[in-house]
Each structure stands twice: as structure tokens, then as C-alpha cells.
Amino acid sequence: MKIPPIVWGMVAIGAVATLIVFLSVEFPGSLSDRDSQIRLTYSLALLAVLGGSALIGRRFRTVPVIRYASIWIVLGLGIFTIYSFRDEARSVYNRLLGELTPDRARIEGGDVVIRMASNGHFVVRADVDGTEITFLVDTGASDVVISPADAKRMGYDLDTLKFTKTYRTANGTVYGAPVRLGTISIGPLNVRDVRASVNSAEISRSLLGMSFLERLSGYEVRGNSLILKP
């Protein structure tokens, strides 16, 4: 049985009207501003043109229209569902990313969470004055220590630095050149004017020491995670 096109037109109009009422009830005020009303009018006009073309076209067939309409409805519901659960999806994405790349911090409730690396240390990527540096978190280091290689990437001329600061470590005495870092950023954490030094000898990683950690409201190790609090 072939359904008259006018019937399909009435069904489409009814469906659109029902959707508008549903959205207005679920999201009060969403259509109160002029821009939202203009976008709705544009969308309805486009829907009317496309629907009218399908109804007037000579090759209009009931079954294909139903099939394509069903596909668009499923796609629309899928997009709406993903948008509705965007916060949960972002949380899952951050957790998976943290497991796959431990040096990339993830954000949980405003805190920065760093997963323990396979070697038992905490390693994190940070933005230091516009340069990405991978730090080894070291609570035993009094200052942030920048490796010579990272210092060069940040634009320091090692030949002009004065290595006047002495550090006593388990490996003996080392020397560093005192510097001040404008900003160290890890996710939402932004610590400005950080005391640091450029190490005189090459080290495998720069160290995120107490001159950064003591500027936070707190930090703790919980299981295999290091929690940094703003």
C-alpha cells in the first residue's frame, strides 16, 4: 500500500513539533535568545526544503524514505547521546591516556594525577615558558633542575651561565647555574617565578623539585598515582 505524500508531510511536521516541545521542556530558555531562534528557523527551513524535494520528486518511494529517515534518526540519537555523556567520555579518555602514556598528567576533580611509570618513578610533561619539558618528580631535590639539553631547547646559552650553586647528591657534588623560570604549567597548575638551576653535567631528565612542589597546596602518593593539588 502506497502512503500518500501528504500523510508523510503531516507526520514529519508532527515529529518536528514534538521534538521542539521536548527540547523546550528539557532545556528551559534554550530558545529564548534571538540567535537560537534564528538557528531553529534556518534548520526548519532546510528540513522543509529537503522534505519537500523528497515528496515532490518523481522517484519518491515509501520504503527508501523510511530507510534513510531511520538512518538519520539513529545517527542523530547517537550524536545526542555522545554529547549528553561528554563529561563521562572525557574522564574515560583521560584515564586511558594516563595508562598508555604515564608522563601525561590527567585531571580529576581539579587535581593533577600522574601515573607511576614502569620503573617506579613519576614522570610528567610540563610546559616551561613555552617549551615542553619531561620531568622526573624528585622530592629530594630542593630546586627544579634543568638538564643542559633541555636548557638549550629553552634558549639558554650554556657558555654564558655561571655555575655557582653547589648541590650535594648521592653521586657526589654537582654544580648548577641559578635561573628563574617564568611559569611551569601542568594541566590547570600554573606556578610562576620558580627557582631553578641548570645542571652543569648532563643528566637523563630534568628534575621537578621542591621549589615547584612546595608552591602547591599539597601533593600525595596514592597507590600508583601522584596527586598534585592546585
Foldseek 3Di string as FASTA:
>chain_A
DFDQLVVVVVVVVVVVVVVVVVCCVVPPPQCVDPVNVVVVVVVVVVVCVVSVCLNPDPPNDDVVVVVVVVVVVVVVVVVVVCVVCVVVVLVVVQVVVCVVPQQAWGDDPQKTKGFQDPVRWTWHWKQFPNDIFIATEDAPDAFWEAEPVVCVVVPDDVVPFDFDDWDQDPVGIWTWGWDWTAWIDRPPDIDGRFTYTYTPDGDPGTYHYDSRQVVFPHWDDDPRMIITHD
